[in-house]
Structure formats: C-alpha cells, structure tokens
Amino acid sequence: MKVGILTFPHSPSLGAMLQMGSLYHVIEEMGHEVEIINYVSNKVNHQQKRPMTMKTIAIHILSKLFLKSSRPSFQEFEARLQMFPEQPVSEISDLSVIENRFDRIIVGSDQVWNPVVTGHDLNFYLEFCKDPKKKASYAASFGYMQADQNYIDRITELLNDFSYLSVRERDGQQIIKDLTGRNSKLVLDPTLLVSEKYLRSIMVPNARSNKYVLFFCIKPSSKLYDTARVYAEKNGYELLTIGGRMKDRLDPRKHPVFGAGPKEFLGLINGAQCVFTNSFHGMAISVALHRDFYVEFSSDTNSRLINLTELLGLGSRVVKDEPLYEKRMDYSNVDIILDKEREVSMNYLKEVLH
C-alpha cells in the first residue's frame, strides 16, 4: 500500500521532527511504501513571516554571529525520508493532484488540528481529499480548540468524512465525540510507538565526560529552571540547557547547547542524569529512553502531559510547589503499560493499512 503522511515537514521543532520520523519508520517497517507529503502551509505559525523590528533584527544578527545553527542537523535528519513532491508545495491545487498518488493519507501526529498552530488550514482535516476511504488520522492533537462556529461546522463535516480516526489525548476524543458523535481511538505518540533500540540506533551519542542534568522547555519557566539548577548543584551535576530566549542562549552560566538537531537531542536526553522539561516530547523521549525526568505542566501542554502522566502512572514526576520526589525511576510497570498501549496502537494502524 502507498501511504502519505501529512504533518509538519521542515519544522524547527525537535518534537515535530521526531514524531514524523517515527511514524514514517513504523509504517515502513510494516511493509508499506511511505512518503511525507511535502506540504508547507503559509498559515502554520512557524512559517509565517513576522514584522521585522529593531529587536528581531538584533536577535537575528546575534544568532548568526554567535550561535551554531541546528538547521543542518534537521536537514540531515529529513534527508533520509522520502518526500513527495521533492519541492515543498503550499497550494490546494497541488494537494488535489497528490491525493491520487496514495492509497491512504494519514494526518498526524502532533498538533495538526490545533487552530493556533495551523491558522485554521482545513487541509490538515484532509479537505483536499475527496475519497473518504483514504482518510485517516494517527495521534492527531487539537491542543486546544479555538475556532468560531463557521469553522466548527466545517470541521465537523470533515471529521465525519474520515474512515479512521485516532487522537493522542482524551480531550481530543471528547472533542470528536461532541462534534460528530463518533468514537475515536486513543493511541500513542509515534515516539513511544517505536522501539528504544530504534531510537538508540539513530541518535548521536553525547560526548561530554561530565555528568549533567538537561533542561529543555518549549515555554520559558523560571520556576522549573531554578528547580533544575538546585537539583544539579545538590548532586554535583552540570546543568545543560536547550533553547530558551536569546539572553539565555548567550549566558555561559546556563551552559547552553547549540546546533542540536533530532539525533543530537536523543543523545543529550540519553546521556542525562535527569531531564527537566515542560515539553510533551521532552517527556515522551525521556520515557522511551528510560531516563529520570521531572515535568512541569504549562498552559500550552497541559492536556497532552496530564494524559501521558496519568496513563503511565507517573504523577510523582510532576513538579509542584512541594519538594521533589527524589527517587530513581523504576520503569518496570511503565513498560508493561506501554507494551499494552503499543499493541492497541499497532492494531489500529494495521486496520487503517489493511
């Protein structure tokens, strides 16, 4: 079967890139011919051009002069994935032609149905595809629903046109139930569907000799950073940081890591004594690689993170106001749960690709 995946190619997000590669790998391992649909929507927030101010110009210049770009690492990671067409497209006319190329079109994973991310681009609901038998989602996420009634009515129609529906969070299941009356399958994010062996096979091992704690946040959090700093100092570890605001990336006291793409990111998590994060994929990869971690819920990631911590019984790893529960993680029960959830997720994919 020829399968097309519609997600976020060329994204600067580590999580978006890893989930795309993981779903691609799983479907390929099932014996199907798979391609990433090379659709880059001008409505998606990371593609939109922001007005240039003196501040943004200064940040851009400083980045070029002092920060190693991660872009080559992202490009190298994507180069092993088959994409169609070779050059990105952004017009609905291009997508109409693409529909005829595939037996199934799977939208997901990641926040492909989050209107804040997609700018209400209904192509992520496969509006361009006229054949319901081809339409499927895998671990699609709404993030949070902020659409006016006109969009909701059209989204309801489009969701009803899917032959196969699966989401990443219970909130997503409820949204689909409320809009369409249909039940959708709750499945694992692709980064938890692939094997630990696969993730280790593609990672770039971190070469640092010092033991370190890794701080990775998609939303700035001084509270979580201070918690990680105190933990590192208490245990005699170095504290490494990925991302953050420009002032953080230029602050040598925070030991920022530059130029980390998806494979380097895997190596950094794998080599860490502990990971502090408020990123869904920061937590998911930590779990997949059996690392100690602590997670903080933020307004942008609550639904996804709450669902994952509850599913895996990891409430003790949530950063709250009280002192940390400082105990090494035992993954034996987590692995039992993940094995069961992988079976559910794989059975769903087998049904989609039958």
Foldseek 3Di string as FASTA:
>chain_A
DEEEEEEAPPDPDLVRLVLVVLVQVVVVVVPYHYAYEQEHACQFVVNDDDDDDPVNVVLVVCCVPPFAALSVVSVVSCVVGHYPPPDYDHDLVVVLVVLVVGPAYEYDDDALQACVRRVLPCCSLVPSHPQQLRAEYAQHHNLDDDDDPVSLLVSLVSVVSHPAYEHAFVVVQVSNCVSHVDGHHHAHRSLLLDALVVLVVQADADPDPFAEEEEEEPDDDPVLVVLRVVVCVVVVGHYEYEDDDPVLCPDVNNNYDGNDHNRHVLNVLLRHQEYEYQDLVSVSSNLNNQHHYAYEHDSSCNRNVVRVCVLQVNPLRYDDPDRHPDDRDDCPSSVVSSVVSSVSSVVSVVVSVD
